[in-house]
Amino acid sequence: MLIIWILGNQNIIKLSNETNIPLVATNDSHYTEQIDANAHDVCLCIQTNSQIDSTNRMKFDDQSYFLKSPQEMSDFLQICQNQFQTHS
């Protein structure tokens, strides 16, 4: 998934370089801590009137939609930079 993200954002990175406008790193967060992922999943079921064991319901792929710490963001950006250089 990371490689898809990097390939999909190459134009944004290129535009940033061409215009000398810095990029801003964000992450898609839907809950504060990773431990809250299951509670969030239950809330999604309540909001969509779905059963937790239903295979055909709205749900997130994994439990990574929490607010990342500065260190986690820094680590992720380092991985992105390494992958971007590898695939450029």
PDB file of N, CA and C in Angstrom:
ATOM      1  N   MET A   1       0.818  -1.192   0.000  1.00  0.00           N
ATOM      2  CA  MET A   1       0.000   0.000   0.000  1.00  0.00           C
ATOM      3  C   MET A   1       0.866   1.262   0.000  1.00  0.00           C
ATOM      4  N   LEU A   2       1.999   1.199   0.670  1.00  0.00           N
ATOM      5  CA  LEU A   2       2.890   2.352   0.728  1.00  0.00           C
ATOM      6  C   LEU A   2       3.394   2.723  -0.661  1.00  0.00           C
ATOM      7  N   ILE A   3       3.738   1.720  -1.461  1.00  0.00           N
ATOM      8  CA  ILE A   3       4.243   2.003  -2.805  1.00  0.00           C
ATOM      9  C   ILE A   3       3.158   2.669  -3.646  1.00  0.00           C
ATOM     10  N   ILE A   4       1.917   2.200  -3.522  1.00  0.00           N
ATOM     11  CA  ILE A   4       0.803   2.824  -4.243  1.00  0.00           C
ATOM     12  C   ILE A   4       0.662   4.277  -3.821  1.00  0.00           C
ATOM     13  N   TRP A   5       0.765   4.533  -2.514  1.00  0.00           N
ATOM     14  CA  TRP A   5       0.655   5.901  -2.006  1.00  0.00           C
ATOM     15  C   TRP A   5       1.751   6.771  -2.604  1.00  0.00           C
ATOM     16  N   ILE A   6       2.960   6.265  -2.623  1.00  0.00           N
ATOM     17  CA  ILE A   6       4.090   7.047  -3.141  1.00  0.00           C
ATOM     18  C   ILE A   6       3.925   7.306  -4.632  1.00  0.00           C
ATOM     19  N   LEU A   7       3.581   6.280  -5.389  1.00  0.00           N
ATOM     20  CA  LEU A   7       3.399   6.465  -6.830  1.00  0.00           C
ATOM     21  C   LEU A   7       2.251   7.419  -7.116  1.00  0.00           C
ATOM     22  N   GLY A   8       1.207   7.355  -6.317  1.00  0.00           N
ATOM     23  CA  GLY A   8       0.065   8.232  -6.505  1.00  0.00           C
ATOM     24  C   GLY A   8       0.340   9.670  -6.137  1.00  0.00           C
ATOM     25  N   ASN A   9       1.359   9.902  -5.348  1.00  0.00           N
ATOM     26  CA  ASN A   9       1.656  11.254  -4.889  1.00  0.00           C
ATOM     27  C   ASN A   9       2.915  11.844  -5.517  1.00  0.00           C
ATOM     28  N   GLN A  10       3.465  11.182  -6.506  1.00  0.00           N
ATOM     29  CA  GLN A  10       4.669  11.701  -7.151  1.00  0.00           C
ATOM     30  C   GLN A  10       4.425  13.068  -7.775  1.00  0.00           C
ATOM     31  N   ASN A  11       3.249  13.286  -8.338  1.00  0.00           N
ATOM     32  CA  ASN A  11       2.956  14.591  -8.940  1.00  0.00           C
ATOM     33  C   ASN A  11       2.894  15.688  -7.887  1.00  0.00           C
ATOM     34  N   ILE A  12       2.372  15.370  -6.717  1.00  0.00           N
ATOM     35  CA  ILE A  12       2.333  16.355  -5.633  1.00  0.00           C
ATOM     36  C   ILE A  12       3.752  16.692  -5.188  1.00  0.00           C
ATOM     37  N   ILE A  13       4.583  15.674  -5.080  1.00  0.00           N
ATOM     38  CA  ILE A  13       5.980  15.897  -4.690  1.00  0.00           C
ATOM     39  C   ILE A  13       6.698  16.709  -5.758  1.00  0.00           C
ATOM     40  N   LYS A  14       6.458  16.374  -7.022  1.00  0.00           N
ATOM     41  CA  LYS A  14       7.071  17.116  -8.130  1.00  0.00           C
ATOM     42  C   LYS A  14       6.627  18.577  -8.104  1.00  0.00           C
ATOM     43  N   LEU A  15       5.340  18.820  -7.901  1.00  0.00           N
ATOM     44  CA  LEU A  15       4.817  20.185  -7.833  1.00  0.00           C
ATOM     45  C   LEU A  15       5.437  20.949  -6.665  1.00  0.00           C
ATOM     46  N   SER A  16       5.598  20.281  -5.544  1.00  0.00           N
ATOM     47  CA  SER A  16       6.230  20.910  -4.385  1.00  0.00           C
ATOM     48  C   SER A  16       7.658  21.339  -4.718  1.00  0.00           C
ATOM     49  N   ASN A  17       8.383  20.459  -5.390  1.00  0.00           N
ATOM     50  CA  ASN A  17       9.763  20.780  -5.766  1.00  0.00           C
ATOM     51  C   ASN A  17       9.825  21.921  -6.777  1.00  0.00           C
ATOM     52  N   GLU A  18       8.929  21.906  -7.762  1.00  0.00           N
ATOM     53  CA  GLU A  18       8.934  22.933  -8.808  1.00  0.00           C
ATOM     54  C   GLU A  18       8.531  24.305  -8.285  1.00  0.00           C
ATOM     55  N   THR A  19       7.640  24.348  -7.325  1.00  0.00           N
ATOM     56  CA  THR A  19       7.134  25.628  -6.812  1.00  0.00           C
ATOM     57  C   THR A  19       7.812  26.063  -5.521  1.00  0.00           C
ATOM     58  N   ASN A  20       8.672  25.194  -5.002  1.00  0.00           N
ATOM     59  CA  ASN A  20       9.365  25.464  -3.744  1.00  0.00           C
ATOM     60  C   ASN A  20       8.376  25.681  -2.582  1.00  0.00           C
ATOM     61  N   ILE A  21       7.245  24.988  -2.660  1.00  0.00           N
ATOM     62  CA  ILE A  21       6.256  25.012  -1.578  1.00  0.00           C
ATOM     63  C   ILE A  21       6.419  23.713  -0.794  1.00  0.00           C
ATOM     64  N   PRO A  22       6.685  23.802   0.500  1.00  0.00           N
ATOM     65  CA  PRO A  22       6.935  22.580   1.272  1.00  0.00           C
ATOM     66  C   PRO A  22       5.684  21.706   1.410  1.00  0.00           C
ATOM     67  N   LEU A  23       5.927  20.415   1.493  1.00  0.00           N
ATOM     68  CA  LEU A  23       4.851  19.460   1.751  1.00  0.00           C
ATOM     69  C   LEU A  23       4.526  19.454   3.243  1.00  0.00           C
ATOM     70  N   VAL A  24       3.307  19.094   3.554  1.00  0.00           N
ATOM     71  CA  VAL A  24       2.881  18.951   4.942  1.00  0.00           C
ATOM     72  C   VAL A  24       2.463  17.501   5.139  1.00  0.00           C
ATOM     73  N   ALA A  25       3.006  16.866   6.154  1.00  0.00           N
ATOM     74  CA  ALA A  25       2.668  15.470   6.437  1.00  0.00           C
ATOM     75  C   ALA A  25       1.466  15.402   7.367  1.00  0.00           C
ATOM     76  N   THR A  26       0.495  14.597   6.978  1.00  0.00           N
ATOM     77  CA  THR A  26      -0.687  14.361   7.811  1.00  0.00           C
ATOM     78  C   THR A  26      -0.968  12.865   7.819  1.00  0.00           C
ATOM     79  N   ASN A  27      -1.829  12.459   8.714  1.00  0.00           N
ATOM     80  CA  ASN A  27      -2.294  11.076   8.648  1.00  0.00           C
ATOM     81  C   ASN A  27      -3.800  11.045   8.851  1.00  0.00           C
ATOM     82  N   ASP A  28      -4.420  10.072   8.237  1.00  0.00           N
ATOM     83  CA  ASP A  28      -5.870   9.915   8.294  1.00  0.00           C
ATOM     84  C   ASP A  28      -6.219   9.302   9.644  1.00  0.00           C
ATOM     85  N   SER A  29      -6.709  10.112  10.561  1.00  0.00           N
ATOM     86  CA  SER A  29      -7.021   9.599  11.901  1.00  0.00           C
ATOM     87  C   SER A  29      -8.518   9.679  12.165  1.00  0.00           C
ATOM     88  N   HIS A  30      -9.051   8.580  12.672  1.00  0.00           N
ATOM     89  CA  HIS A  30     -10.473   8.490  12.994  1.00  0.00           C
ATOM     90  C   HIS A  30     -10.690   8.208  14.472  1.00  0.00           C
ATOM     91  N   TYR A  31      -9.603   7.932  15.202  1.00  0.00           N
ATOM     92  CA  TYR A  31      -9.655   7.731  16.644  1.00  0.00           C
ATOM     93  C   TYR A  31      -8.290   8.104  17.208  1.00  0.00           C
ATOM     94  N   THR A  32      -8.257   8.385  18.497  1.00  0.00           N
ATOM     95  CA  THR A  32      -7.053   8.956  19.098  1.00  0.00           C
ATOM     96  C   THR A  32      -5.915   7.956  19.241  1.00  0.00           C
ATOM     97  N   GLU A  33      -6.201   6.793  19.786  1.00  0.00           N
ATOM     98  CA  GLU A  33      -5.155   5.799  20.037  1.00  0.00           C
ATOM     99  C   GLU A  33      -5.486   4.504  19.306  1.00  0.00           C
ATOM    100  N   GLN A  34      -4.450   3.741  18.980  1.00  0.00           N
ATOM    101  CA  GLN A  34      -4.655   2.496  18.239  1.00  0.00           C
ATOM    102  C   GLN A  34      -5.577   1.536  18.997  1.00  0.00           C
ATOM    103  N   ILE A  35      -5.517   1.572  20.298  1.00  0.00           N
ATOM    104  CA  ILE A  35      -6.354   0.694  21.119  1.00  0.00           C
ATOM    105  C   ILE A  35      -7.848   0.986  20.933  1.00  0.00           C
ATOM    106  N   ASP A  36      -8.182   2.145  20.389  1.00  0.00           N
ATOM    107  CA  ASP A  36      -9.578   2.536  20.168  1.00  0.00           C
ATOM    108  C   ASP A  36     -10.166   1.983  18.866  1.00  0.00           C
ATOM    109  N   ALA A  37      -9.391   1.224  18.118  1.00  0.00           N
ATOM    110  CA  ALA A  37      -9.848   0.736  16.810  1.00  0.00           C
ATOM    111  C   ALA A  37     -11.105  -0.124  16.914  1.00  0.00           C
ATOM    112  N   ASN A  38     -11.150  -1.018  17.882  1.00  0.00           N
ATOM    113  CA  ASN A  38     -12.329  -1.886  18.010  1.00  0.00           C
ATOM    114  C   ASN A  38     -13.567  -1.091  18.397  1.00  0.00           C
ATOM    115  N   ALA A  39     -13.413  -0.135  19.298  1.00  0.00           N
ATOM    116  CA  ALA A  39     -14.546   0.714  19.683  1.00  0.00           C
ATOM    117  C   ALA A  39     -15.039   1.508  18.472  1.00  0.00           C
ATOM    118  N   HIS A  40     -14.112   1.977  17.664  1.00  0.00           N
ATOM    119  CA  HIS A  40     -14.488   2.702  16.451  1.00  0.00           C
ATOM    120  C   HIS A  40     -15.256   1.789  15.499  1.00  0.00           C
ATOM    121  N   ASP A  41     -14.823   0.550  15.399  1.00  0.00           N
ATOM    122  CA  ASP A  41     -15.507  -0.414  14.547  1.00  0.00           C
ATOM    123  C   ASP A  41     -16.949  -0.635  15.021  1.00  0.00           C
ATOM    124  N   VAL A  42     -17.137  -0.725  16.327  1.00  0.00           N
ATOM    125  CA  VAL A  42     -18.482  -0.865  16.890  1.00  0.00           C
ATOM    126  C   VAL A  42     -19.320   0.372  16.563  1.00  0.00           C
ATOM    127  N   CYS A  43     -18.730   1.548  16.702  1.00  0.00           N
ATOM    128  CA  CYS A  43     -19.452   2.790  16.369  1.00  0.00           C
ATOM    129  C   CYS A  43     -19.875   2.811  14.903  1.00  0.00           C
ATOM    130  N   LEU A  44     -19.005   2.340  14.016  1.00  0.00           N
ATOM    131  CA  LEU A  44     -19.372   2.260  12.597  1.00  0.00           C
ATOM    132  C   LEU A  44     -20.578   1.347  12.394  1.00  0.00           C
ATOM    133  N   CYS A  45     -20.595   0.240  13.116  1.00  0.00           N
ATOM    134  CA  CYS A  45     -21.730  -0.683  13.004  1.00  0.00           C
ATOM    135  C   CYS A  45     -23.018  -0.020  13.485  1.00  0.00           C
ATOM    136  N   ILE A  46     -22.932   0.698  14.579  1.00  0.00           N
ATOM    137  CA  ILE A  46     -24.113   1.389  15.104  1.00  0.00           C
ATOM    138  C   ILE A  46     -24.597   2.432  14.099  1.00  0.00           C
ATOM    139  N   GLN A  47     -23.666   3.215  13.568  1.00  0.00           N
ATOM    140  CA  GLN A  47     -24.028   4.280  12.630  1.00  0.00           C
ATOM    141  C   GLN A  47     -24.624   3.748  11.329  1.00  0.00           C
ATOM    142  N   THR A  48     -24.167   2.587  10.899  1.00  0.00           N
ATOM    143  CA  THR A  48     -24.625   2.034   9.618  1.00  0.00           C
ATOM    144  C   THR A  48     -25.656   0.922   9.801  1.00  0.00           C
ATOM    145  N   ASN A  49     -26.071   0.717  11.049  1.00  0.00           N
ATOM    146  CA  ASN A  49     -27.062  -0.317  11.371  1.00  0.00           C
ATOM    147  C   ASN A  49     -26.621  -1.686  10.846  1.00  0.00           C
ATOM    148  N   SER A  50     -25.360  -2.037  11.135  1.00  0.00           N
ATOM    149  CA  SER A  50     -24.771  -3.291  10.669  1.00  0.00           C
ATOM    150  C   SER A  50     -24.389  -4.168  11.848  1.00  0.00           C
ATOM    151  N   GLN A  51     -24.256  -5.451  11.569  1.00  0.00           N
ATOM    152  CA  GLN A  51     -23.773  -6.399  12.572  1.00  0.00           C
ATOM    153  C   GLN A  51     -22.245  -6.478  12.476  1.00  0.00           C
ATOM    154  N   ILE A  52     -21.583  -6.624  13.619  1.00  0.00           N
ATOM    155  CA  ILE A  52     -20.114  -6.661  13.658  1.00  0.00           C
ATOM    156  C   ILE A  52     -19.561  -7.839  12.847  1.00  0.00           C
ATOM    157  N   ASP A  53     -20.308  -8.949  12.788  1.00  0.00           N
ATOM    158  CA  ASP A  53     -19.825 -10.127  12.070  1.00  0.00           C
ATOM    159  C   ASP A  53     -20.279 -10.175  10.606  1.00  0.00           C
ATOM    160  N   SER A  54     -20.924  -9.132  10.154  1.00  0.00           N
ATOM    161  CA  SER A  54     -21.358  -9.063   8.760  1.00  0.00           C
ATOM    162  C   SER A  54     -20.145  -8.888   7.848  1.00  0.00           C
ATOM    163  N   THR A  55     -20.097  -9.676   6.794  1.00  0.00           N
ATOM    164  CA  THR A  55     -18.957  -9.592   5.871  1.00  0.00           C
ATOM    165  C   THR A  55     -19.121  -8.473   4.852  1.00  0.00           C
ATOM    166  N   ASN A  56     -20.337  -7.980   4.728  1.00  0.00           N
ATOM    167  CA  ASN A  56     -20.624  -6.971   3.714  1.00  0.00           C
ATOM    168  C   ASN A  56     -20.944  -5.621   4.352  1.00  0.00           C
ATOM    169  N   ARG A  57     -20.097  -5.144   5.228  1.00  0.00           N
ATOM    170  CA  ARG A  57     -20.360  -3.890   5.926  1.00  0.00           C
ATOM    171  C   ARG A  57     -19.177  -2.946   5.775  1.00  0.00           C
ATOM    172  N   MET A  58     -19.425  -1.682   6.072  1.00  0.00           N
ATOM    173  CA  MET A  58     -18.347  -0.697   6.051  1.00  0.00           C
ATOM    174  C   MET A  58     -17.393  -0.980   7.208  1.00  0.00           C
ATOM    175  N   LYS A  59     -16.107  -1.068   6.886  1.00  0.00           N
ATOM    176  CA  LYS A  59     -15.091  -1.219   7.923  1.00  0.00           C
ATOM    177  C   LYS A  59     -13.743  -0.789   7.367  1.00  0.00           C
ATOM    178  N   PHE A  60     -12.831  -0.496   8.259  1.00  0.00           N
ATOM    179  CA  PHE A  60     -11.491  -0.078   7.866  1.00  0.00           C
ATOM    180  C   PHE A  60     -10.613  -1.309   7.646  1.00  0.00           C
ATOM    181  N   ASP A  61      -9.626  -1.168   6.768  1.00  0.00           N
ATOM    182  CA  ASP A  61      -8.749  -2.282   6.409  1.00  0.00           C
ATOM    183  C   ASP A  61      -7.915  -2.779   7.577  1.00  0.00           C
ATOM    184  N   ASP A  62      -7.473  -1.853   8.397  1.00  0.00           N
ATOM    185  CA  ASP A  62      -6.579  -2.205   9.496  1.00  0.00           C
ATOM    186  C   ASP A  62      -6.806  -1.257  10.671  1.00  0.00           C
ATOM    187  N   GLN A  63      -5.919  -1.306  11.643  1.00  0.00           N
ATOM    188  CA  GLN A  63      -6.067  -0.489  12.850  1.00  0.00           C
ATOM    189  C   GLN A  63      -5.055   0.658  12.882  1.00  0.00           C
ATOM    190  N   SER A  64      -4.783   1.234  11.725  1.00  0.00           N
ATOM    191  CA  SER A  64      -3.760   2.284  11.645  1.00  0.00           C
ATOM    192  C   SER A  64      -4.333   3.694  11.560  1.00  0.00           C
ATOM    193  N   TYR A  65      -5.618   3.861  11.807  1.00  0.00           N
ATOM    194  CA  TYR A  65      -6.262   5.164  11.646  1.00  0.00           C
ATOM    195  C   TYR A  65      -6.309   5.952  12.951  1.00  0.00           C
ATOM    196  N   PHE A  66      -5.244   5.874  13.722  1.00  0.00           N
ATOM    197  CA  PHE A  66      -5.138   6.607  14.982  1.00  0.00           C
ATOM    198  C   PHE A  66      -4.187   7.783  14.816  1.00  0.00           C
ATOM    199  N   LEU A  67      -4.245   8.706  15.744  1.00  0.00           N
ATOM    200  CA  LEU A  67      -3.398   9.893  15.711  1.00  0.00           C
ATOM    201  C   LEU A  67      -1.962   9.484  16.021  1.00  0.00           C
ATOM    202  N   LYS A  68      -1.085   9.616  15.047  1.00  0.00           N
ATOM    203  CA  LYS A  68       0.304   9.182  15.195  1.00  0.00           C
ATOM    204  C   LYS A  68       1.108  10.174  16.038  1.00  0.00           C
ATOM    205  N   SER A  69       2.071   9.644  16.754  1.00  0.00           N
ATOM    206  CA  SER A  69       2.981  10.490  17.525  1.00  0.00           C
ATOM    207  C   SER A  69       3.971  11.152  16.566  1.00  0.00           C
ATOM    208  N   PRO A  70       4.649  12.207  17.015  1.00  0.00           N
ATOM    209  CA  PRO A  70       5.675  12.815  16.154  1.00  0.00           C
ATOM    210  C   PRO A  70       6.729  11.801  15.700  1.00  0.00           C
ATOM    211  N   GLN A  71       7.119  10.887  16.581  1.00  0.00           N
ATOM    212  CA  GLN A  71       8.121   9.883  16.211  1.00  0.00           C
ATOM    213  C   GLN A  71       7.575   8.920  15.154  1.00  0.00           C
ATOM    214  N   GLU A  72       6.322   8.503  15.304  1.00  0.00           N
ATOM    215  CA  GLU A  72       5.717   7.605  14.313  1.00  0.00           C
ATOM    216  C   GLU A  72       5.612   8.288  12.952  1.00  0.00           C
ATOM    217  N   MET A  73       5.254   9.558  12.942  1.00  0.00           N
ATOM    218  CA  MET A  73       5.177  10.296  11.677  1.00  0.00           C
ATOM    219  C   MET A  73       6.559  10.438  11.057  1.00  0.00           C
ATOM    220  N   SER A  74       7.549  10.725  11.882  1.00  0.00           N
ATOM    221  CA  SER A  74       8.917  10.858  11.393  1.00  0.00           C
ATOM    222  C   SER A  74       9.407   9.538  10.791  1.00  0.00           C
ATOM    223  N   ASP A  75       9.132   8.437  11.488  1.00  0.00           N
ATOM    224  CA  ASP A  75       9.528   7.118  10.979  1.00  0.00           C
ATOM    225  C   ASP A  75       8.846   6.829   9.647  1.00  0.00           C
ATOM    226  N   PHE A  76       7.548   7.126   9.566  1.00  0.00           N
ATOM    227  CA  PHE A  76       6.796   6.883   8.333  1.00  0.00           C
ATOM    228  C   PHE A  76       7.346   7.722   7.183  1.00  0.00           C
ATOM    229  N   LEU A  77       7.655   8.983   7.462  1.00  0.00           N
ATOM    230  CA  LEU A  77       8.192   9.856   6.415  1.00  0.00           C
ATOM    231  C   LEU A  77       9.548   9.371   5.931  1.00  0.00           C
ATOM    232  N   GLN A  78      10.349   8.817   6.834  1.00  0.00           N
ATOM    233  CA  GLN A  78      11.644   8.269   6.443  1.00  0.00           C
ATOM    234  C   GLN A  78      11.445   7.073   5.509  1.00  0.00           C
ATOM    235  N   ILE A  79      10.491   6.219   5.837  1.00  0.00           N
ATOM    236  CA  ILE A  79      10.179   5.076   4.974  1.00  0.00           C
ATOM    237  C   ILE A  79       9.708   5.571   3.609  1.00  0.00           C
ATOM    238  N   CYS A  80       8.835   6.574   3.607  1.00  0.00           N
ATOM    239  CA  CYS A  80       8.335   7.134   2.347  1.00  0.00           C
ATOM    240  C   CYS A  80       9.469   7.690   1.507  1.00  0.00           C
ATOM    241  N   GLN A  81      10.359   8.418   2.148  1.00  0.00           N
ATOM    242  CA  GLN A  81      11.479   9.011   1.420  1.00  0.00           C
ATOM    243  C   GLN A  81      12.351   7.916   0.810  1.00  0.00           C
ATOM    244  N   ASN A  82      12.637   6.873   1.577  1.00  0.00           N
ATOM    245  CA  ASN A  82      13.451   5.771   1.064  1.00  0.00           C
ATOM    246  C   ASN A  82      12.759   5.071  -0.102  1.00  0.00           C
ATOM    247  N   GLN A  83      11.449   4.820   0.027  1.00  0.00           N
ATOM    248  CA  GLN A  83      10.700   4.167  -1.043  1.00  0.00           C
ATOM    249  C   GLN A  83      10.616   5.058  -2.276  1.00  0.00           C
ATOM    250  N   PHE A  84      10.413   6.357  -2.060  1.00  0.00           N
ATOM    251  CA  PHE A  84      10.318   7.284  -3.186  1.00  0.00           C
ATOM    252  C   PHE A  84      11.623   7.293  -3.972  1.00  0.00           C
ATOM    253  N   GLN A  85      12.748   7.320  -3.267  1.00  0.00           N
ATOM    254  CA  GLN A  85      14.042   7.324  -3.940  1.00  0.00           C
ATOM    255  C   GLN A  85      14.265   6.014  -4.689  1.00  0.00           C
ATOM    256  N   THR A  86      13.772   4.916  -4.134  1.00  0.00           N
ATOM    257  CA  THR A  86      13.920   3.609  -4.769  1.00  0.00           C
ATOM    258  C   THR A  86      13.097   3.507  -6.045  1.00  0.00           C
ATOM    259  N   HIS A  87      11.901   4.124  -6.053  1.00  0.00           N
ATOM    260  CA  HIS A  87      10.982   3.980  -7.175  1.00  0.00           C
ATOM    261  C   HIS A  87      10.974   5.182  -8.120  1.00  0.00           C
ATOM    262  N   SER A  88      11.884   6.122  -7.928  1.00  0.00           N
ATOM    263  CA  SER A  88      11.937   7.300  -8.817  1.00  0.00           C
ATOM    264  C   SER A  88      12.797   7.013 -10.024  1.00  0.00           C
TER     265      SER A  88
END
